[in-house]
Amino acid sequence: MKARVHVTLKNGVLDPQGKAIHQSLEGLGFDGVEDVRQGKFIEIELSDSDPDAAKARVAEMCEQLLANTVIEDYSIEIEA
């Protein structure tokens, strides 16, 4: 079973990397890009057989290590 975790900064939190990417895209001639927010993508291979239990375990991993929940949000996808 595979878990995919997307971690992004919460709305309202300054994203300097996103701004740098935005400026670089404009510098390369990519017009029409209004905003860029960057984040992390994490894939975890699990031995769990129950998708609900796996999602709960991964949520615990996010809360304890993978995301800084003060400034970041996360979403979890489980692929059985």
PDB file of N, CA and C in Angstrom:
ATOM      1  N   MET A   1       0.846  -1.161   0.000  1.00  0.00           N
ATOM      2  CA  MET A   1       0.000   0.000   0.000  1.00  0.00           C
ATOM      3  C   MET A   1       0.896   1.229   0.000  1.00  0.00           C
ATOM      4  N   LYS A   2       0.512   2.242  -0.776  1.00  0.00           N
ATOM      5  CA  LYS A   2       1.317   3.443  -0.892  1.00  0.00           C
ATOM      6  C   LYS A   2       0.520   4.643  -0.389  1.00  0.00           C
ATOM      7  N   ALA A   3       1.213   5.491   0.363  1.00  0.00           N
ATOM      8  CA  ALA A   3       0.621   6.748   0.821  1.00  0.00           C
ATOM      9  C   ALA A   3       1.356   7.892   0.137  1.00  0.00           C
ATOM     10  N   ARG A   4       0.583   8.864  -0.301  1.00  0.00           N
ATOM     11  CA  ARG A   4       1.152  10.078  -0.884  1.00  0.00           C
ATOM     12  C   ARG A   4       0.728  11.248   0.003  1.00  0.00           C
ATOM     13  N   VAL A   5       1.714  12.020   0.427  1.00  0.00           N
ATOM     14  CA  VAL A   5       1.463  13.147   1.318  1.00  0.00           C
ATOM     15  C   VAL A   5       1.894  14.426   0.611  1.00  0.00           C
ATOM     16  N   HIS A   6       1.006  15.393   0.562  1.00  0.00           N
ATOM     17  CA  HIS A   6       1.305  16.712   0.024  1.00  0.00           C
ATOM     18  C   HIS A   6       1.308  17.687   1.197  1.00  0.00           C
ATOM     19  N   VAL A   7       2.425  18.378   1.378  1.00  0.00           N
ATOM     20  CA  VAL A   7       2.562  19.348   2.467  1.00  0.00           C
ATOM     21  C   VAL A   7       2.744  20.724   1.829  1.00  0.00           C
ATOM     22  N   THR A   8       1.897  21.670   2.221  1.00  0.00           N
ATOM     23  CA  THR A   8       1.973  23.023   1.682  1.00  0.00           C
ATOM     24  C   THR A   8       1.865  24.031   2.823  1.00  0.00           C
ATOM     25  N   LEU A   9       2.400  25.209   2.570  1.00  0.00           N
ATOM     26  CA  LEU A   9       2.273  26.270   3.559  1.00  0.00           C
ATOM     27  C   LEU A   9       0.820  26.717   3.649  1.00  0.00           C
ATOM     28  N   LYS A  10       0.390  27.048   4.846  1.00  0.00           N
ATOM     29  CA  LYS A  10      -0.971  27.549   5.040  1.00  0.00           C
ATOM     30  C   LYS A  10      -1.119  28.895   4.340  1.00  0.00           C
ATOM     31  N   ASN A  11      -2.352  29.202   3.948  1.00  0.00           N
ATOM     32  CA  ASN A  11      -2.629  30.515   3.358  1.00  0.00           C
ATOM     33  C   ASN A  11      -2.232  31.594   4.356  1.00  0.00           C
ATOM     34  N   GLY A  12      -1.626  32.632   3.852  1.00  0.00           N
ATOM     35  CA  GLY A  12      -1.204  33.735   4.709  1.00  0.00           C
ATOM     36  C   GLY A  12       0.221  33.611   5.206  1.00  0.00           C
ATOM     37  N   VAL A  13       0.844  32.435   5.045  1.00  0.00           N
ATOM     38  CA  VAL A  13       2.242  32.257   5.449  1.00  0.00           C
ATOM     39  C   VAL A  13       3.123  32.637   4.262  1.00  0.00           C
ATOM     40  N   LEU A  14       4.099  33.493   4.502  1.00  0.00           N
ATOM     41  CA  LEU A  14       5.011  33.939   3.461  1.00  0.00           C
ATOM     42  C   LEU A  14       5.737  32.749   2.843  1.00  0.00           C
ATOM     43  N   ASP A  15       5.807  32.713   1.507  1.00  0.00           N
ATOM     44  CA  ASP A  15       6.447  31.621   0.777  1.00  0.00           C
ATOM     45  C   ASP A  15       7.560  32.190  -0.102  1.00  0.00           C
ATOM     46  N   PRO A  16       8.758  32.414   0.457  1.00  0.00           N
ATOM     47  CA  PRO A  16       9.844  33.009  -0.328  1.00  0.00           C
ATOM     48  C   PRO A  16      10.281  32.135  -1.510  1.00  0.00           C
ATOM     49  N   GLN A  17      10.245  30.819  -1.350  1.00  0.00           N
ATOM     50  CA  GLN A  17      10.617  29.948  -2.474  1.00  0.00           C
ATOM     51  C   GLN A  17       9.594  30.064  -3.597  1.00  0.00           C
ATOM     52  N   GLY A  18       8.333  30.134  -3.248  1.00  0.00           N
ATOM     53  CA  GLY A  18       7.293  30.312  -4.249  1.00  0.00           C
ATOM     54  C   GLY A  18       7.472  31.622  -5.004  1.00  0.00           C
ATOM     55  N   LYS A  19       7.830  32.691  -4.279  1.00  0.00           N
ATOM     56  CA  LYS A  19       8.063  33.979  -4.921  1.00  0.00           C
ATOM     57  C   LYS A  19       9.255  33.914  -5.867  1.00  0.00           C
ATOM     58  N   ALA A  20      10.328  33.222  -5.443  1.00  0.00           N
ATOM     59  CA  ALA A  20      11.517  33.084  -6.293  1.00  0.00           C
ATOM     60  C   ALA A  20      11.185  32.298  -7.561  1.00  0.00           C
ATOM     61  N   ILE A  21      10.391  31.241  -7.434  1.00  0.00           N
ATOM     62  CA  ILE A  21       9.973  30.463  -8.600  1.00  0.00           C
ATOM     63  C   ILE A  21       9.135  31.337  -9.528  1.00  0.00           C
ATOM     64  N   HIS A  22       8.208  32.090  -8.938  1.00  0.00           N
ATOM     65  CA  HIS A  22       7.356  32.983  -9.723  1.00  0.00           C
ATOM     66  C   HIS A  22       8.188  33.972 -10.524  1.00  0.00           C
ATOM     67  N   GLN A  23       9.150  34.612  -9.886  1.00  0.00           N
ATOM     68  CA  GLN A  23      10.000  35.582 -10.569  1.00  0.00           C
ATOM     69  C   GLN A  23      10.828  34.914 -11.664  1.00  0.00           C
ATOM     70  N   SER A  24      11.326  33.717 -11.399  1.00  0.00           N
ATOM     71  CA  SER A  24      12.112  32.997 -12.408  1.00  0.00           C
ATOM     72  C   SER A  24      11.261  32.623 -13.611  1.00  0.00           C
ATOM     73  N   LEU A  25      10.028  32.193 -13.368  1.00  0.00           N
ATOM     74  CA  LEU A  25       9.123  31.867 -14.474  1.00  0.00           C
ATOM     75  C   LEU A  25       8.851  33.095 -15.331  1.00  0.00           C
ATOM     76  N   GLU A  26       8.613  34.232 -14.672  1.00  0.00           N
ATOM     77  CA  GLU A  26       8.409  35.475 -15.422  1.00  0.00           C
ATOM     78  C   GLU A  26       9.653  35.825 -16.224  1.00  0.00           C
ATOM     79  N   GLY A  27      10.830  35.659 -15.612  1.00  0.00           N
ATOM     80  CA  GLY A  27      12.084  35.944 -16.298  1.00  0.00           C
ATOM     81  C   GLY A  27      12.311  35.053 -17.502  1.00  0.00           C
ATOM     82  N   LEU A  28      11.758  33.862 -17.481  1.00  0.00           N
ATOM     83  CA  LEU A  28      11.875  32.934 -18.610  1.00  0.00           C
ATOM     84  C   LEU A  28      10.801  33.158 -19.664  1.00  0.00           C
ATOM     85  N   GLY A  29       9.929  34.134 -19.415  1.00  0.00           N
ATOM     86  CA  GLY A  29       8.922  34.481 -20.398  1.00  0.00           C
ATOM     87  C   GLY A  29       7.582  33.796 -20.224  1.00  0.00           C
ATOM     88  N   PHE A  30       7.358  33.141 -19.100  1.00  0.00           N
ATOM     89  CA  PHE A  30       6.067  32.499 -18.846  1.00  0.00           C
ATOM     90  C   PHE A  30       5.105  33.536 -18.258  1.00  0.00           C
ATOM     91  N   ASP A  31       4.352  34.166 -19.153  1.00  0.00           N
ATOM     92  CA  ASP A  31       3.402  35.191 -18.740  1.00  0.00           C
ATOM     93  C   ASP A  31       2.130  34.551 -18.200  1.00  0.00           C
ATOM     94  N   GLY A  32       1.393  35.308 -17.405  1.00  0.00           N
ATOM     95  CA  GLY A  32       0.094  34.856 -16.920  1.00  0.00           C
ATOM     96  C   GLY A  32       0.153  34.043 -15.639  1.00  0.00           C
ATOM     97  N   VAL A  33       1.333  33.847 -15.085  1.00  0.00           N
ATOM     98  CA  VAL A  33       1.445  33.142 -13.803  1.00  0.00           C
ATOM     99  C   VAL A  33       1.189  34.182 -12.715  1.00  0.00           C
ATOM    100  N   GLU A  34       0.094  34.019 -11.985  1.00  0.00           N
ATOM    101  CA  GLU A  34      -0.280  35.022 -10.989  1.00  0.00           C
ATOM    102  C   GLU A  34       0.348  34.779  -9.630  1.00  0.00           C
ATOM    103  N   ASP A  35       0.547  33.513  -9.250  1.00  0.00           N
ATOM    104  CA  ASP A  35       1.112  33.210  -7.935  1.00  0.00           C
ATOM    105  C   ASP A  35       1.671  31.797  -7.961  1.00  0.00           C
ATOM    106  N   VAL A  36       2.681  31.550  -7.151  1.00  0.00           N
ATOM    107  CA  VAL A  36       3.267  30.216  -7.016  1.00  0.00           C
ATOM    108  C   VAL A  36       3.418  29.917  -5.532  1.00  0.00           C
ATOM    109  N   ARG A  37       2.943  28.768  -5.115  1.00  0.00           N
ATOM    110  CA  ARG A  37       3.155  28.264  -3.752  1.00  0.00           C
ATOM    111  C   ARG A  37       3.847  26.923  -3.909  1.00  0.00           C
ATOM    112  N   GLN A  38       4.928  26.717  -3.217  1.00  0.00           N
ATOM    113  CA  GLN A  38       5.635  25.452  -3.327  1.00  0.00           C
ATOM    114  C   GLN A  38       5.454  24.654  -2.051  1.00  0.00           C
ATOM    115  N   GLY A  39       5.707  23.357  -2.141  1.00  0.00           N
ATOM    116  CA  GLY A  39       5.551  22.495  -0.974  1.00  0.00           C
ATOM    117  C   GLY A  39       6.394  21.236  -1.110  1.00  0.00           C
ATOM    118  N   LYS A  40       5.992  20.219  -0.372  1.00  0.00           N
ATOM    119  CA  LYS A  40       6.712  18.947  -0.379  1.00  0.00           C
ATOM    120  C   LYS A  40       5.756  17.833  -0.799  1.00  0.00           C
ATOM    121  N   PHE A  41       6.310  16.837  -1.463  1.00  0.00           N
ATOM    122  CA  PHE A  41       5.575  15.638  -1.833  1.00  0.00           C
ATOM    123  C   PHE A  41       6.350  14.456  -1.281  1.00  0.00           C
ATOM    124  N   ILE A  42       5.683  13.618  -0.500  1.00  0.00           N
ATOM    125  CA  ILE A  42       6.336  12.479   0.155  1.00  0.00           C
ATOM    126  C   ILE A  42       5.555  11.219  -0.178  1.00  0.00           C
ATOM    127  N   GLU A  43       6.251  10.178  -0.649  1.00  0.00           N
ATOM    128  CA  GLU A  43       5.627   8.875  -0.889  1.00  0.00           C
ATOM    129  C   GLU A  43       6.135   7.899   0.159  1.00  0.00           C
ATOM    130  N   ILE A  44       5.214   7.156   0.745  1.00  0.00           N
ATOM    131  CA  ILE A  44       5.559   6.202   1.794  1.00  0.00           C
ATOM    132  C   ILE A  44       4.965   4.858   1.418  1.00  0.00           C
ATOM    133  N   GLU A  45       5.796   3.828   1.374  1.00  0.00           N
ATOM    134  CA  GLU A  45       5.333   2.463   1.120  1.00  0.00           C
ATOM    135  C   GLU A  45       5.009   1.828   2.468  1.00  0.00           C
ATOM    136  N   LEU A  46       3.786   1.316   2.609  1.00  0.00           N
ATOM    137  CA  LEU A  46       3.307   0.778   3.882  1.00  0.00           C
ATOM    138  C   LEU A  46       2.970  -0.703   3.756  1.00  0.00           C
ATOM    139  N   SER A  47       3.086  -1.419   4.856  1.00  0.00           N
ATOM    140  CA  SER A  47       2.710  -2.834   4.879  1.00  0.00           C
ATOM    141  C   SER A  47       1.263  -3.030   5.321  1.00  0.00           C
ATOM    142  N   ASP A  48       0.581  -1.949   5.687  1.00  0.00           N
ATOM    143  CA  ASP A  48      -0.810  -2.030   6.148  1.00  0.00           C
ATOM    144  C   ASP A  48      -1.713  -2.626   5.067  1.00  0.00           C
ATOM    145  N   SER A  49      -2.769  -3.286   5.483  1.00  0.00           N
ATOM    146  CA  SER A  49      -3.753  -3.802   4.529  1.00  0.00           C
ATOM    147  C   SER A  49      -5.082  -3.055   4.631  1.00  0.00           C
ATOM    148  N   ASP A  50      -5.280  -2.297   5.696  1.00  0.00           N
ATOM    149  CA  ASP A  50      -6.506  -1.527   5.899  1.00  0.00           C
ATOM    150  C   ASP A  50      -6.249  -0.060   5.545  1.00  0.00           C
ATOM    151  N   PRO A  51      -6.888   0.445   4.478  1.00  0.00           N
ATOM    152  CA  PRO A  51      -6.637   1.830   4.066  1.00  0.00           C
ATOM    153  C   PRO A  51      -6.939   2.869   5.146  1.00  0.00           C
ATOM    154  N   ASP A  52      -7.985   2.650   5.934  1.00  0.00           N
ATOM    155  CA  ASP A  52      -8.322   3.611   6.988  1.00  0.00           C
ATOM    156  C   ASP A  52      -7.250   3.641   8.074  1.00  0.00           C
ATOM    157  N   ALA A  53      -6.754   2.459   8.453  1.00  0.00           N
ATOM    158  CA  ALA A  53      -5.686   2.384   9.455  1.00  0.00           C
ATOM    159  C   ALA A  53      -4.405   3.010   8.912  1.00  0.00           C
ATOM    160  N   ALA A  54      -4.124   2.766   7.636  1.00  0.00           N
ATOM    161  CA  ALA A  54      -2.927   3.335   7.016  1.00  0.00           C
ATOM    162  C   ALA A  54      -3.009   4.859   7.013  1.00  0.00           C
ATOM    163  N   LYS A  55      -4.168   5.393   6.653  1.00  0.00           N
ATOM    164  CA  LYS A  55      -4.328   6.851   6.621  1.00  0.00           C
ATOM    165  C   LYS A  55      -4.157   7.446   8.011  1.00  0.00           C
ATOM    166  N   ALA A  56      -4.665   6.767   9.017  1.00  0.00           N
ATOM    167  CA  ALA A  56      -4.519   7.236  10.397  1.00  0.00           C
ATOM    168  C   ALA A  56      -3.048   7.239  10.814  1.00  0.00           C
ATOM    169  N   ARG A  57      -2.314   6.192  10.435  1.00  0.00           N
ATOM    170  CA  ARG A  57      -0.877   6.126  10.774  1.00  0.00           C
ATOM    171  C   ARG A  57      -0.110   7.241  10.092  1.00  0.00           C
ATOM    172  N   VAL A  58      -0.409   7.472   8.822  1.00  0.00           N
ATOM    173  CA  VAL A  58       0.294   8.516   8.075  1.00  0.00           C
ATOM    174  C   VAL A  58      -0.062   9.896   8.638  1.00  0.00           C
ATOM    175  N   ALA A  59      -1.299  10.092   9.045  1.00  0.00           N
ATOM    176  CA  ALA A  59      -1.684  11.359   9.676  1.00  0.00           C
ATOM    177  C   ALA A  59      -0.873  11.588  10.951  1.00  0.00           C
ATOM    178  N   GLU A  60      -0.663  10.542  11.712  1.00  0.00           N
ATOM    179  CA  GLU A  60       0.159  10.648  12.921  1.00  0.00           C
ATOM    180  C   GLU A  60       1.600  11.009  12.553  1.00  0.00           C
ATOM    181  N   MET A  61       2.119  10.394  11.476  1.00  0.00           N
ATOM    182  CA  MET A  61       3.471  10.726  11.003  1.00  0.00           C
ATOM    183  C   MET A  61       3.559  12.202  10.626  1.00  0.00           C
ATOM    184  N   CYS A  62       2.521  12.702   9.969  1.00  0.00           N
ATOM    185  CA  CYS A  62       2.496  14.112   9.577  1.00  0.00           C
ATOM    186  C   CYS A  62       2.491  15.021  10.795  1.00  0.00           C
ATOM    187  N   GLU A  63       1.668  14.680  11.755  1.00  0.00           N
ATOM    188  CA  GLU A  63       1.554  15.498  12.962  1.00  0.00           C
ATOM    189  C   GLU A  63       2.866  15.526  13.757  1.00  0.00           C
ATOM    190  N   GLN A  64       3.604  14.408  13.743  1.00  0.00           N
ATOM    191  CA  GLN A  64       4.812  14.319  14.561  1.00  0.00           C
ATOM    192  C   GLN A  64       6.094  14.709  13.831  1.00  0.00           C
ATOM    193  N   LEU A  65       6.135  14.537  12.498  1.00  0.00           N
ATOM    194  CA  LEU A  65       7.407  14.737  11.807  1.00  0.00           C
ATOM    195  C   LEU A  65       7.297  15.398  10.435  1.00  0.00           C
ATOM    196  N   LEU A  66       6.401  14.928   9.605  1.00  0.00           N
ATOM    197  CA  LEU A  66       6.427  15.307   8.195  1.00  0.00           C
ATOM    198  C   LEU A  66       5.959  16.727   7.910  1.00  0.00           C
ATOM    199  N   ALA A  67       5.116  17.281   8.757  1.00  0.00           N
ATOM    200  CA  ALA A  67       4.601  18.637   8.547  1.00  0.00           C
ATOM    201  C   ALA A  67       4.751  19.459   9.825  1.00  0.00           C
ATOM    202  N   ASN A  68       5.046  20.714   9.649  1.00  0.00           N
ATOM    203  CA  ASN A  68       5.028  21.653  10.763  1.00  0.00           C
ATOM    204  C   ASN A  68       3.620  22.235  10.787  1.00  0.00           C
ATOM    205  N   THR A  69       2.761  21.660  11.597  1.00  0.00           N
ATOM    206  CA  THR A  69       1.341  21.990  11.553  1.00  0.00           C
ATOM    207  C   THR A  69       1.019  23.415  12.009  1.00  0.00           C
ATOM    208  N   VAL A  70       1.996  24.121  12.530  1.00  0.00           N
ATOM    209  CA  VAL A  70       1.780  25.526  12.880  1.00  0.00           C
ATOM    210  C   VAL A  70       1.670  26.358  11.599  1.00  0.00           C
ATOM    211  N   ILE A  71       2.501  26.033  10.600  1.00  0.00           N
ATOM    212  CA  ILE A  71       2.526  26.833   9.366  1.00  0.00           C
ATOM    213  C   ILE A  71       2.192  26.037   8.110  1.00  0.00           C
ATOM    214  N   GLU A  72       2.027  24.713   8.224  1.00  0.00           N
ATOM    215  CA  GLU A  72       1.789  23.883   7.046  1.00  0.00           C
ATOM    216  C   GLU A  72       0.499  23.071   7.175  1.00  0.00           C
ATOM    217  N   ASP A  73      -0.127  22.848   6.031  1.00  0.00           N
ATOM    218  CA  ASP A  73      -1.249  21.929   5.915  1.00  0.00           C
ATOM    219  C   ASP A  73      -0.756  20.689   5.178  1.00  0.00           C
ATOM    220  N   TYR A  74      -1.482  19.588   5.327  1.00  0.00           N
ATOM    221  CA  TYR A  74      -1.111  18.386   4.573  1.00  0.00           C
ATOM    222  C   TYR A  74      -2.372  17.662   4.127  1.00  0.00           C
ATOM    223  N   SER A  75      -2.209  16.907   3.048  1.00  0.00           N
ATOM    224  CA  SER A  75      -3.274  16.027   2.578  1.00  0.00           C
ATOM    225  C   SER A  75      -2.665  14.661   2.304  1.00  0.00           C
ATOM    226  N   ILE A  76      -3.476  13.632   2.490  1.00  0.00           N
ATOM    227  CA  ILE A  76      -3.012  12.252   2.365  1.00  0.00           C
ATOM    228  C   ILE A  76      -3.867  11.514   1.354  1.00  0.00           C
ATOM    229  N   GLU A  77      -3.210  10.807   0.446  1.00  0.00           N
ATOM    230  CA  GLU A  77      -3.890   9.896  -0.487  1.00  0.00           C
ATOM    231  C   GLU A  77      -3.360   8.496  -0.220  1.00  0.00           C
ATOM    232  N   ILE A  78      -4.240   7.524  -0.123  1.00  0.00           N
ATOM    233  CA  ILE A  78      -3.850   6.125   0.073  1.00  0.00           C
ATOM    234  C   ILE A  78      -4.181   5.356  -1.197  1.00  0.00           C
ATOM    235  N   GLU A  79      -3.198   4.652  -1.724  1.00  0.00           N
ATOM    236  CA  GLU A  79      -3.380   3.805  -2.891  1.00  0.00           C
ATOM    237  C   GLU A  79      -3.255   2.365  -2.445  1.00  0.00           C
ATOM    238  N   ALA A  80      -4.358   1.632  -2.534  1.00  0.00           N
ATOM    239  CA  ALA A  80      -4.361   0.239  -2.077  1.00  0.00           C
ATOM    240  C   ALA A  80      -3.730  -0.674  -3.101  1.00  0.00           C
TER     241      ALA A  80
END
